[in-house]
């Protein structure tokens, strides 16, 4: 089609010589067979077909949005195709980088899991276990907490350390671990589980903030990977290179900073020593003492594994 023929299309639709759908099909044929006019010279046939499929449902709007007083329809049409091509390329590139980032993330996750496996982290319990035993096996939930529930004064020092560390780790502890701890401390597994559930209910807001912070860390990691891939795909002397480097550095620092914070005690989801002390009928200083003692036992066991 010549430019004059393209310019005449809106008038033909107004005069009912052809419908808008028929005129849109003519424009699509023009883009497909004369792609070099619209910036598609260096695309292959598959990409051109994808682009045309992308713009097909949108072309009919041109005839409603076109204003003859502003300029010729051919210029309006070419401008639209140029803008649509730019947007489409951005979408394609975004999907490509997302796939590359996800591929890298899955690869890293696989390597981390392999490393954990080699360290025999899962040797004790290779099967997937539930967070807690089934409700019908756990017994009634205690809605109130009394200090005598655990017979605190009758426990030896190591049992007290184990019990306090279990309550402190209530957000992370599993059903299998609850059973083992109850056996070591000589208390009811159902009682210990219900106390842990009570503590977990107190941690809802803290856990929500923790998950939001992790999501923010993950987002920073995504952009760290995305900009790293983009940097490797463009020339260093291009105008976009320095902008990408700045974004890469910013998100890399943000990811590392938040990742380091997640490794600190401040960002762990744990009940306060005061709430644990209230549950056991002791002061928070005693809770701190037994936590410190537990850390001391852990170091002694690492240094002399056959002694403990």
C-alpha atoms as a PDB file:
ATOM      1  CA  UNK A   1       0.000   0.000   0.000  1.00  0.00           C
ATOM      2  CA  UNK A   2       1.123   3.541  -0.712  1.00  0.00           C
ATOM      3  CA  UNK A   3       0.994   6.293   1.899  1.00  0.00           C
ATOM      4  CA  UNK A   4      -1.992   7.850   0.102  1.00  0.00           C
ATOM      5  CA  UNK A   5      -3.872   4.526   0.328  1.00  0.00           C
ATOM      6  CA  UNK A   6      -3.098   4.292   4.056  1.00  0.00           C
ATOM      7  CA  UNK A   7      -4.208   7.907   4.558  1.00  0.00           C
ATOM      8  CA  UNK A   8      -7.514   7.128   2.858  1.00  0.00           C
ATOM      9  CA  UNK A   9      -8.452   4.260   5.207  1.00  0.00           C
ATOM     10  CA  UNK A  10     -10.077   6.329   8.002  1.00  0.00           C
ATOM     11  CA  UNK A  11     -12.315   8.137   5.521  1.00  0.00           C
ATOM     12  CA  UNK A  12     -13.372   4.825   3.956  1.00  0.00           C
ATOM     13  CA  UNK A  13     -14.408   3.479   7.376  1.00  0.00           C
ATOM     14  CA  UNK A  14     -16.414   6.637   8.076  1.00  0.00           C
ATOM     15  CA  UNK A  15     -18.165   6.410   4.685  1.00  0.00           C
ATOM     16  CA  UNK A  16     -18.882   2.680   5.296  1.00  0.00           C
ATOM     17  CA  UNK A  17     -16.902   1.643   2.227  1.00  0.00           C
ATOM     18  CA  UNK A  18     -15.147  -0.878   4.479  1.00  0.00           C
ATOM     19  CA  UNK A  19     -15.424  -1.856   8.110  1.00  0.00           C
ATOM     20  CA  UNK A  20     -12.849  -1.052  10.765  1.00  0.00           C
ATOM     21  CA  UNK A  21     -11.907  -4.741  10.965  1.00  0.00           C
ATOM     22  CA  UNK A  22     -11.245  -4.873   7.219  1.00  0.00           C
ATOM     23  CA  UNK A  23      -9.103  -1.737   7.395  1.00  0.00           C
ATOM     24  CA  UNK A  24      -7.194  -3.167  10.377  1.00  0.00           C
ATOM     25  CA  UNK A  25      -6.425  -6.337   8.390  1.00  0.00           C
ATOM     26  CA  UNK A  26      -4.994  -4.227   5.576  1.00  0.00           C
ATOM     27  CA  UNK A  27      -2.707  -2.489   8.057  1.00  0.00           C
ATOM     28  CA  UNK A  28      -1.595  -5.839   9.477  1.00  0.00           C
ATOM     29  CA  UNK A  29      -0.759  -7.074   5.984  1.00  0.00           C
ATOM     30  CA  UNK A  30       1.243  -3.896   5.441  1.00  0.00           C
ATOM     31  CA  UNK A  31       3.278  -4.487   8.607  1.00  0.00           C
ATOM     32  CA  UNK A  32       3.859  -8.156   7.764  1.00  0.00           C
ATOM     33  CA  UNK A  33       4.878  -7.788   4.093  1.00  0.00           C
ATOM     34  CA  UNK A  34       6.658  -4.418   4.371  1.00  0.00           C
ATOM     35  CA  UNK A  35       8.203  -4.879   7.816  1.00  0.00           C
ATOM     36  CA  UNK A  36      11.364  -2.977   6.853  1.00  0.00           C
ATOM     37  CA  UNK A  37       9.325   0.263   6.898  1.00  0.00           C
ATOM     38  CA  UNK A  38       8.513  -0.175  10.598  1.00  0.00           C
ATOM     39  CA  UNK A  39      11.838  -1.031  12.244  1.00  0.00           C
ATOM     40  CA  UNK A  40      11.433  -4.812  11.886  1.00  0.00           C
ATOM     41  CA  UNK A  41      14.265  -5.264   9.394  1.00  0.00           C
ATOM     42  CA  UNK A  42      16.495  -7.224  11.796  1.00  0.00           C
ATOM     43  CA  UNK A  43      13.804  -9.493  13.265  1.00  0.00           C
ATOM     44  CA  UNK A  44      13.197 -13.060  12.118  1.00  0.00           C
ATOM     45  CA  UNK A  45       9.850 -14.360  10.923  1.00  0.00           C
ATOM     46  CA  UNK A  46       8.876 -15.835  14.298  1.00  0.00           C
ATOM     47  CA  UNK A  47       9.485 -12.535  16.092  1.00  0.00           C
ATOM     48  CA  UNK A  48       7.530 -10.625  13.457  1.00  0.00           C
ATOM     49  CA  UNK A  49       4.622 -13.030  13.836  1.00  0.00           C
ATOM     50  CA  UNK A  50       4.696 -12.616  17.628  1.00  0.00           C
ATOM     51  CA  UNK A  51       4.729  -8.843  17.289  1.00  0.00           C
ATOM     52  CA  UNK A  52       1.818  -8.848  14.843  1.00  0.00           C
ATOM     53  CA  UNK A  53      -0.178 -11.115  17.153  1.00  0.00           C
ATOM     54  CA  UNK A  54       0.552  -8.640  19.937  1.00  0.00           C
ATOM     55  CA  UNK A  55      -0.796  -5.616  18.032  1.00  0.00           C
ATOM     56  CA  UNK A  56      -3.707  -7.345  16.245  1.00  0.00           C
ATOM     57  CA  UNK A  57      -6.410  -6.645  18.879  1.00  0.00           C
ATOM     58  CA  UNK A  58      -5.210  -3.040  19.310  1.00  0.00           C
ATOM     59  CA  UNK A  59      -5.170  -1.740  15.714  1.00  0.00           C
ATOM     60  CA  UNK A  60      -8.894  -1.036  15.534  1.00  0.00           C
ATOM     61  CA  UNK A  61      -8.452   1.651  18.199  1.00  0.00           C
ATOM     62  CA  UNK A  62      -6.365   3.722  15.780  1.00  0.00           C
ATOM     63  CA  UNK A  63      -9.401   4.571  13.718  1.00  0.00           C
ATOM     64  CA  UNK A  64     -11.231   5.865  16.809  1.00  0.00           C
ATOM     65  CA  UNK A  65      -8.246   7.779  18.214  1.00  0.00           C
ATOM     66  CA  UNK A  66      -7.057   9.350  14.937  1.00  0.00           C
ATOM     67  CA  UNK A  67      -7.596  13.131  14.632  1.00  0.00           C
ATOM     68  CA  UNK A  68      -7.285  14.372  10.997  1.00  0.00           C
ATOM     69  CA  UNK A  69      -6.513  17.931  12.087  1.00  0.00           C
ATOM     70  CA  UNK A  70      -3.221  16.871  13.680  1.00  0.00           C
ATOM     71  CA  UNK A  71      -1.635  15.086  10.710  1.00  0.00           C
ATOM     72  CA  UNK A  72      -1.865  12.329   8.062  1.00  0.00           C
ATOM     73  CA  UNK A  73      -3.088   8.903   9.158  1.00  0.00           C
ATOM     74  CA  UNK A  74       0.028   7.201   7.702  1.00  0.00           C
ATOM     75  CA  UNK A  75       2.292   9.180  10.052  1.00  0.00           C
ATOM     76  CA  UNK A  76      -0.016   8.411  12.972  1.00  0.00           C
ATOM     77  CA  UNK A  77       0.009   4.705  12.060  1.00  0.00           C
ATOM     78  CA  UNK A  78       3.817   4.491  11.694  1.00  0.00           C
ATOM     79  CA  UNK A  79       4.297   6.314  14.994  1.00  0.00           C
ATOM     80  CA  UNK A  80       1.994   3.868  16.718  1.00  0.00           C
ATOM     81  CA  UNK A  81       3.827   0.848  15.270  1.00  0.00           C
ATOM     82  CA  UNK A  82       7.176   2.298  16.341  1.00  0.00           C
ATOM     83  CA  UNK A  83       5.973   2.803  19.912  1.00  0.00           C
ATOM     84  CA  UNK A  84       4.305  -0.602  20.030  1.00  0.00           C
ATOM     85  CA  UNK A  85       7.506  -2.231  18.778  1.00  0.00           C
ATOM     86  CA  UNK A  86       9.511  -0.548  21.537  1.00  0.00           C
ATOM     87  CA  UNK A  87       7.048  -1.699  24.219  1.00  0.00           C
ATOM     88  CA  UNK A  88       6.971  -5.232  22.814  1.00  0.00           C
ATOM     89  CA  UNK A  89      10.767  -5.448  22.796  1.00  0.00           C
ATOM     90  CA  UNK A  90      10.857  -4.320  26.434  1.00  0.00           C
ATOM     91  CA  UNK A  91       8.374  -7.063  27.346  1.00  0.00           C
ATOM     92  CA  UNK A  92      10.411  -9.682  25.478  1.00  0.00           C
ATOM     93  CA  UNK A  93      13.645  -8.540  27.131  1.00  0.00           C
ATOM     94  CA  UNK A  94      12.001  -8.496  30.546  1.00  0.00           C
ATOM     95  CA  UNK A  95      10.807 -12.089  30.105  1.00  0.00           C
ATOM     96  CA  UNK A  96      14.282 -13.105  28.918  1.00  0.00           C
ATOM     97  CA  UNK A  97      15.998 -11.574  31.931  1.00  0.00           C
ATOM     98  CA  UNK A  98      13.420 -13.043  34.311  1.00  0.00           C
ATOM     99  CA  UNK A  99      14.091 -16.495  32.873  1.00  0.00           C
ATOM    100  CA  UNK A 100      17.846 -15.994  33.185  1.00  0.00           C
ATOM    101  CA  UNK A 101      17.510 -14.791  36.775  1.00  0.00           C
ATOM    102  CA  UNK A 102      15.235 -17.689  37.694  1.00  0.00           C
ATOM    103  CA  UNK A 103      17.624 -20.121  36.019  1.00  0.00           C
ATOM    104  CA  UNK A 104      20.500 -18.707  38.049  1.00  0.00           C
ATOM    105  CA  UNK A 105      18.450 -18.774  41.256  1.00  0.00           C
ATOM    106  CA  UNK A 106      17.413 -22.402  40.742  1.00  0.00           C
ATOM    107  CA  UNK A 107      21.004 -23.328  39.995  1.00  0.00           C
ATOM    108  CA  UNK A 108      22.188 -21.603  43.159  1.00  0.00           C
ATOM    109  CA  UNK A 109      19.433 -23.286  45.193  1.00  0.00           C
ATOM    110  CA  UNK A 110      20.435 -26.666  43.786  1.00  0.00           C
ATOM    111  CA  UNK A 111      24.064 -26.060  44.724  1.00  0.00           C
ATOM    112  CA  UNK A 112      23.094 -24.987  48.245  1.00  0.00           C
ATOM    113  CA  UNK A 113      20.932 -28.086  48.679  1.00  0.00           C
ATOM    114  CA  UNK A 114      23.766 -30.264  47.451  1.00  0.00           C
ATOM    115  CA  UNK A 115      26.089 -28.635  49.955  1.00  0.00           C
ATOM    116  CA  UNK A 116      23.609 -29.240  52.776  1.00  0.00           C
ATOM    117  CA  UNK A 117      23.249 -32.835  51.679  1.00  0.00           C
ATOM    118  CA  UNK A 118      27.018 -33.348  51.656  1.00  0.00           C
ATOM    119  CA  UNK A 119      27.169 -31.968  55.187  1.00  0.00           C
ATOM    120  CA  UNK A 120      24.604 -34.623  56.162  1.00  0.00           C
ATOM    121  CA  UNK A 121      22.183 -32.016  57.465  1.00  0.00           C
ATOM    122  CA  UNK A 122      19.211 -34.197  56.613  1.00  0.00           C
ATOM    123  CA  UNK A 123      20.570 -37.510  57.799  1.00  0.00           C
ATOM    124  CA  UNK A 124      18.472 -37.675  60.984  1.00  0.00           C
ATOM    125  CA  UNK A 125      15.137 -37.123  59.325  1.00  0.00           C
ATOM    126  CA  UNK A 126      15.247 -37.504  55.521  1.00  0.00           C
ATOM    127  CA  UNK A 127      11.472 -37.700  55.187  1.00  0.00           C
ATOM    128  CA  UNK A 128       9.325 -34.583  54.997  1.00  0.00           C
ATOM    129  CA  UNK A 129       7.577 -34.076  58.310  1.00  0.00           C
ATOM    130  CA  UNK A 130       4.614 -31.978  59.357  1.00  0.00           C
ATOM    131  CA  UNK A 131       5.192 -28.796  61.315  1.00  0.00           C
ATOM    132  CA  UNK A 132       3.181 -30.271  64.179  1.00  0.00           C
ATOM    133  CA  UNK A 133       1.455 -33.616  64.823  1.00  0.00           C
ATOM    134  CA  UNK A 134      -2.180 -33.985  63.848  1.00  0.00           C
ATOM    135  CA  UNK A 135      -4.631 -32.124  66.054  1.00  0.00           C
ATOM    136  CA  UNK A 136      -6.408 -35.266  67.173  1.00  0.00           C
ATOM    137  CA  UNK A 137      -3.127 -36.696  68.461  1.00  0.00           C
ATOM    138  CA  UNK A 138      -1.938 -33.509  70.151  1.00  0.00           C
ATOM    139  CA  UNK A 139      -4.595 -33.248  72.839  1.00  0.00           C
ATOM    140  CA  UNK A 140      -6.373 -30.107  74.047  1.00  0.00           C
ATOM    141  CA  UNK A 141      -4.829 -26.671  73.578  1.00  0.00           C
ATOM    142  CA  UNK A 142      -4.108 -24.860  76.839  1.00  0.00           C
ATOM    143  CA  UNK A 143      -5.384 -21.317  76.509  1.00  0.00           C
ATOM    144  CA  UNK A 144      -3.835 -20.282  79.809  1.00  0.00           C
ATOM    145  CA  UNK A 145      -0.307 -20.858  81.019  1.00  0.00           C
ATOM    146  CA  UNK A 146       0.610 -21.752  84.595  1.00  0.00           C
ATOM    147  CA  UNK A 147       4.202 -22.045  85.855  1.00  0.00           C
ATOM    148  CA  UNK A 148       3.592 -25.520  87.312  1.00  0.00           C
ATOM    149  CA  UNK A 149       2.830 -27.083  83.912  1.00  0.00           C
ATOM    150  CA  UNK A 150       6.455 -28.108  83.347  1.00  0.00           C
ATOM    151  CA  UNK A 151       7.346 -28.834  87.011  1.00  0.00           C
ATOM    152  CA  UNK A 152      10.172 -26.345  86.528  1.00  0.00           C
ATOM    153  CA  UNK A 153      11.816 -26.773  89.935  1.00  0.00           C
ATOM    154  CA  UNK A 154      12.113 -30.552  89.498  1.00  0.00           C
ATOM    155  CA  UNK A 155      14.092 -30.262  86.231  1.00  0.00           C
ATOM    156  CA  UNK A 156      17.871 -30.543  86.152  1.00  0.00           C
ATOM    157  CA  UNK A 157      19.990 -27.812  84.588  1.00  0.00           C
ATOM    158  CA  UNK A 158      20.326 -29.415  81.172  1.00  0.00           C
ATOM    159  CA  UNK A 159      16.594 -30.104  80.946  1.00  0.00           C
ATOM    160  CA  UNK A 160      15.914 -26.449  81.757  1.00  0.00           C
ATOM    161  CA  UNK A 161      18.353 -25.338  79.053  1.00  0.00           C
ATOM    162  CA  UNK A 162      16.741 -27.630  76.477  1.00  0.00           C
ATOM    163  CA  UNK A 163      13.245 -26.509  77.413  1.00  0.00           C
ATOM    164  CA  UNK A 164      14.031 -22.798  77.234  1.00  0.00           C
ATOM    165  CA  UNK A 165      15.859 -23.153  73.916  1.00  0.00           C
ATOM    166  CA  UNK A 166      12.885 -25.080  72.530  1.00  0.00           C
ATOM    167  CA  UNK A 167      10.469 -22.329  73.583  1.00  0.00           C
ATOM    168  CA  UNK A 168      12.828 -19.674  72.206  1.00  0.00           C
ATOM    169  CA  UNK A 169      12.838 -21.531  68.854  1.00  0.00           C
ATOM    170  CA  UNK A 170       9.065 -22.002  68.811  1.00  0.00           C
ATOM    171  CA  UNK A 171       8.663 -20.386  65.369  1.00  0.00           C
ATOM    172  CA  UNK A 172      11.101 -22.808  63.713  1.00  0.00           C
ATOM    173  CA  UNK A 173      10.637 -26.030  65.689  1.00  0.00           C
ATOM    174  CA  UNK A 174       9.086 -29.107  64.050  1.00  0.00           C
ATOM    175  CA  UNK A 175       6.801 -31.863  65.306  1.00  0.00           C
ATOM    176  CA  UNK A 176       9.552 -34.467  65.308  1.00  0.00           C
ATOM    177  CA  UNK A 177      11.780 -32.210  67.411  1.00  0.00           C
ATOM    178  CA  UNK A 178       8.955 -31.592  69.891  1.00  0.00           C
ATOM    179  CA  UNK A 179       8.670 -35.327  70.489  1.00  0.00           C
ATOM    180  CA  UNK A 180      12.426 -35.709  71.080  1.00  0.00           C
ATOM    181  CA  UNK A 181      12.550 -32.687  73.412  1.00  0.00           C
ATOM    182  CA  UNK A 182       9.611 -33.949  75.464  1.00  0.00           C
ATOM    183  CA  UNK A 183      11.413 -37.271  75.915  1.00  0.00           C
ATOM    184  CA  UNK A 184      14.632 -35.543  77.001  1.00  0.00           C
ATOM    185  CA  UNK A 185      12.807 -33.259  79.452  1.00  0.00           C
ATOM    186  CA  UNK A 186      10.318 -35.848  80.692  1.00  0.00           C
ATOM    187  CA  UNK A 187       7.281 -33.703  79.910  1.00  0.00           C
ATOM    188  CA  UNK A 188       4.168 -34.243  77.825  1.00  0.00           C
ATOM    189  CA  UNK A 189       4.631 -33.722  74.073  1.00  0.00           C
ATOM    190  CA  UNK A 190       1.068 -32.364  73.859  1.00  0.00           C
ATOM    191  CA  UNK A 191       1.776 -29.866  76.631  1.00  0.00           C
ATOM    192  CA  UNK A 192       5.006 -28.689  74.999  1.00  0.00           C
ATOM    193  CA  UNK A 193       3.323 -28.404  71.609  1.00  0.00           C
ATOM    194  CA  UNK A 194       0.463 -26.319  72.977  1.00  0.00           C
ATOM    195  CA  UNK A 195       2.879 -23.980  74.752  1.00  0.00           C
ATOM    196  CA  UNK A 196       4.752 -23.545  71.467  1.00  0.00           C
ATOM    197  CA  UNK A 197       1.487 -22.821  69.644  1.00  0.00           C
ATOM    198  CA  UNK A 198       0.707 -20.116  72.218  1.00  0.00           C
ATOM    199  CA  UNK A 199       4.110 -18.531  71.619  1.00  0.00           C
ATOM    200  CA  UNK A 200       3.694 -18.729  67.868  1.00  0.00           C
ATOM    201  CA  UNK A 201       0.376 -16.889  68.139  1.00  0.00           C
ATOM    202  CA  UNK A 202       2.194 -14.065  69.910  1.00  0.00           C
ATOM    203  CA  UNK A 203       4.699 -13.903  67.025  1.00  0.00           C
ATOM    204  CA  UNK A 204       2.223 -13.273  64.186  1.00  0.00           C
ATOM    205  CA  UNK A 205       3.143  -9.605  63.671  1.00  0.00           C
ATOM    206  CA  UNK A 206       6.859 -10.243  64.027  1.00  0.00           C
ATOM    207  CA  UNK A 207       6.669 -13.177  61.584  1.00  0.00           C
ATOM    208  CA  UNK A 208       4.778 -11.015  59.077  1.00  0.00           C
ATOM    209  CA  UNK A 209       7.444  -8.309  59.255  1.00  0.00           C
ATOM    210  CA  UNK A 210      10.115 -10.971  58.881  1.00  0.00           C
ATOM    211  CA  UNK A 211       8.493 -12.394  55.740  1.00  0.00           C
ATOM    212  CA  UNK A 212       8.093  -8.898  54.259  1.00  0.00           C
ATOM    213  CA  UNK A 213      11.759  -8.204  54.921  1.00  0.00           C
ATOM    214  CA  UNK A 214      12.722 -11.498  53.254  1.00  0.00           C
ATOM    215  CA  UNK A 215      10.573 -10.590  50.247  1.00  0.00           C
ATOM    216  CA  UNK A 216      12.364  -7.243  50.037  1.00  0.00           C
ATOM    217  CA  UNK A 217      15.705  -9.075  50.170  1.00  0.00           C
ATOM    218  CA  UNK A 218      14.568 -11.457  47.412  1.00  0.00           C
ATOM    219  CA  UNK A 219      13.478  -8.535  45.229  1.00  0.00           C
ATOM    220  CA  UNK A 220      16.892  -6.923  45.644  1.00  0.00           C
ATOM    221  CA  UNK A 221      18.530 -10.217  44.650  1.00  0.00           C
ATOM    222  CA  UNK A 222      16.320 -10.439  41.564  1.00  0.00           C
ATOM    223  CA  UNK A 223      17.422  -6.988  40.355  1.00  0.00           C
ATOM    224  CA  UNK A 224      21.043  -7.770  41.278  1.00  0.00           C
ATOM    225  CA  UNK A 225      20.921 -10.787  38.938  1.00  0.00           C
ATOM    226  CA  UNK A 226      18.890  -8.946  36.282  1.00  0.00           C
ATOM    227  CA  UNK A 227      21.291  -6.013  35.938  1.00  0.00           C
ATOM    228  CA  UNK A 228      24.305  -8.306  36.069  1.00  0.00           C
ATOM    229  CA  UNK A 229      22.956 -10.216  33.056  1.00  0.00           C
ATOM    230  CA  UNK A 230      22.113  -6.999  31.197  1.00  0.00           C
ATOM    231  CA  UNK A 231      25.610  -5.588  31.826  1.00  0.00           C
ATOM    232  CA  UNK A 232      27.148  -8.676  30.260  1.00  0.00           C
ATOM    233  CA  UNK A 233      24.914  -8.305  27.198  1.00  0.00           C
ATOM    234  CA  UNK A 234      25.805  -4.743  26.170  1.00  0.00           C
ATOM    235  CA  UNK A 235      28.986  -2.931  25.194  1.00  0.00           C
ATOM    236  CA  UNK A 236      30.909  -1.003  27.835  1.00  0.00           C
ATOM    237  CA  UNK A 237      31.056   2.165  25.723  1.00  0.00           C
ATOM    238  CA  UNK A 238      27.274   2.373  25.332  1.00  0.00           C
ATOM    239  CA  UNK A 239      25.294   5.125  27.059  1.00  0.00           C
ATOM    240  CA  UNK A 240      23.176   2.593  28.966  1.00  0.00           C
ATOM    241  CA  UNK A 241      26.160   0.732  30.426  1.00  0.00           C
ATOM    242  CA  UNK A 242      26.989   3.229  33.204  1.00  0.00           C
ATOM    243  CA  UNK A 243      23.326   3.491  34.211  1.00  0.00           C
ATOM    244  CA  UNK A 244      23.100  -0.303  34.500  1.00  0.00           C
ATOM    245  CA  UNK A 245      26.307  -0.438  36.547  1.00  0.00           C
ATOM    246  CA  UNK A 246      24.913   2.086  39.044  1.00  0.00           C
ATOM    247  CA  UNK A 247      21.687   0.116  39.392  1.00  0.00           C
ATOM    248  CA  UNK A 248      23.624  -3.135  39.732  1.00  0.00           C
ATOM    249  CA  UNK A 249      25.812  -1.723  42.515  1.00  0.00           C
ATOM    250  CA  UNK A 250      22.794  -0.241  44.346  1.00  0.00           C
ATOM    251  CA  UNK A 251      20.755  -3.447  44.337  1.00  0.00           C
ATOM    252  CA  UNK A 252      23.781  -5.643  45.074  1.00  0.00           C
ATOM    253  CA  UNK A 253      24.585  -3.591  48.173  1.00  0.00           C
ATOM    254  CA  UNK A 254      20.925  -3.636  49.213  1.00  0.00           C
ATOM    255  CA  UNK A 255      20.717  -7.411  48.794  1.00  0.00           C
ATOM    256  CA  UNK A 256      23.931  -8.055  50.776  1.00  0.00           C
ATOM    257  CA  UNK A 257      22.913  -5.641  53.524  1.00  0.00           C
ATOM    258  CA  UNK A 258      19.494  -7.215  54.010  1.00  0.00           C
ATOM    259  CA  UNK A 259      20.904 -10.718  53.746  1.00  0.00           C
ATOM    260  CA  UNK A 260      23.397  -9.937  56.509  1.00  0.00           C
ATOM    261  CA  UNK A 261      20.642  -8.479  58.680  1.00  0.00           C
ATOM    262  CA  UNK A 262      18.602 -11.662  58.301  1.00  0.00           C
ATOM    263  CA  UNK A 263      21.535 -13.601  59.755  1.00  0.00           C
ATOM    264  CA  UNK A 264      21.541 -11.560  62.959  1.00  0.00           C
ATOM    265  CA  UNK A 265      19.539 -12.327  66.109  1.00  0.00           C
ATOM    266  CA  UNK A 266      17.637  -9.060  65.714  1.00  0.00           C
ATOM    267  CA  UNK A 267      15.773 -10.358  62.654  1.00  0.00           C
ATOM    268  CA  UNK A 268      15.031 -13.848  63.948  1.00  0.00           C
ATOM    269  CA  UNK A 269      11.440 -14.589  64.836  1.00  0.00           C
ATOM    270  CA  UNK A 270      11.694 -15.458  68.526  1.00  0.00           C
ATOM    271  CA  UNK A 271       9.524 -14.781  71.587  1.00  0.00           C
ATOM    272  CA  UNK A 272      10.909 -12.422  74.201  1.00  0.00           C
ATOM    273  CA  UNK A 273      12.652 -13.723  77.286  1.00  0.00           C
ATOM    274  CA  UNK A 274       9.942 -12.040  79.340  1.00  0.00           C
ATOM    275  CA  UNK A 275       7.129 -14.014  77.673  1.00  0.00           C
ATOM    276  CA  UNK A 276       9.048 -17.281  78.127  1.00  0.00           C
ATOM    277  CA  UNK A 277       9.769 -16.434  81.765  1.00  0.00           C
ATOM    278  CA  UNK A 278       6.102 -15.697  82.400  1.00  0.00           C
ATOM    279  CA  UNK A 279       5.179 -19.065  80.908  1.00  0.00           C
ATOM    280  CA  UNK A 280       7.678 -20.872  83.169  1.00  0.00           C
ATOM    281  CA  UNK A 281       7.194 -18.738  86.281  1.00  0.00           C
ATOM    282  CA  UNK A 282      10.738 -17.329  86.289  1.00  0.00           C
ATOM    283  CA  UNK A 283      12.226 -13.915  85.538  1.00  0.00           C
ATOM    284  CA  UNK A 284      13.643 -12.942  82.149  1.00  0.00           C
ATOM    285  CA  UNK A 285      17.164 -12.812  83.609  1.00  0.00           C
ATOM    286  CA  UNK A 286      17.008 -16.512  84.379  1.00  0.00           C
ATOM    287  CA  UNK A 287      15.860 -17.150  80.805  1.00  0.00           C
ATOM    288  CA  UNK A 288      18.907 -15.203  79.544  1.00  0.00           C
ATOM    289  CA  UNK A 289      21.154 -17.180  81.885  1.00  0.00           C
ATOM    290  CA  UNK A 290      19.976 -20.555  80.552  1.00  0.00           C
ATOM    291  CA  UNK A 291      20.255 -19.374  76.929  1.00  0.00           C
ATOM    292  CA  UNK A 292      23.861 -18.316  77.607  1.00  0.00           C
ATOM    293  CA  UNK A 293      24.477 -21.638  79.321  1.00  0.00           C
ATOM    294  CA  UNK A 294      23.098 -23.443  76.289  1.00  0.00           C
ATOM    295  CA  UNK A 295      25.515 -21.542  74.046  1.00  0.00           C
ATOM    296  CA  UNK A 296      28.341 -22.579  76.396  1.00  0.00           C
ATOM    297  CA  UNK A 297      27.264 -26.240  76.171  1.00  0.00           C
ATOM    298  CA  UNK A 298      27.158 -25.993  72.369  1.00  0.00           C
ATOM    299  CA  UNK A 299      30.731 -24.678  72.186  1.00  0.00           C
ATOM    300  CA  UNK A 300      31.955 -27.359  74.589  1.00  0.00           C
ATOM    301  CA  UNK A 301      30.321 -30.042  72.465  1.00  0.00           C
ATOM    302  CA  UNK A 302      31.936 -28.679  69.313  1.00  0.00           C
ATOM    303  CA  UNK A 303      35.352 -28.632  70.961  1.00  0.00           C
ATOM    304  CA  UNK A 304      34.974 -32.023  72.710  1.00  0.00           C
ATOM    305  CA  UNK A 305      32.194 -33.989  70.974  1.00  0.00           C
ATOM    306  CA  UNK A 306      32.824 -37.128  73.031  1.00  0.00           C
ATOM    307  CA  UNK A 307      32.520 -35.387  76.408  1.00  0.00           C
ATOM    308  CA  UNK A 308      28.896 -34.198  76.319  1.00  0.00           C
END
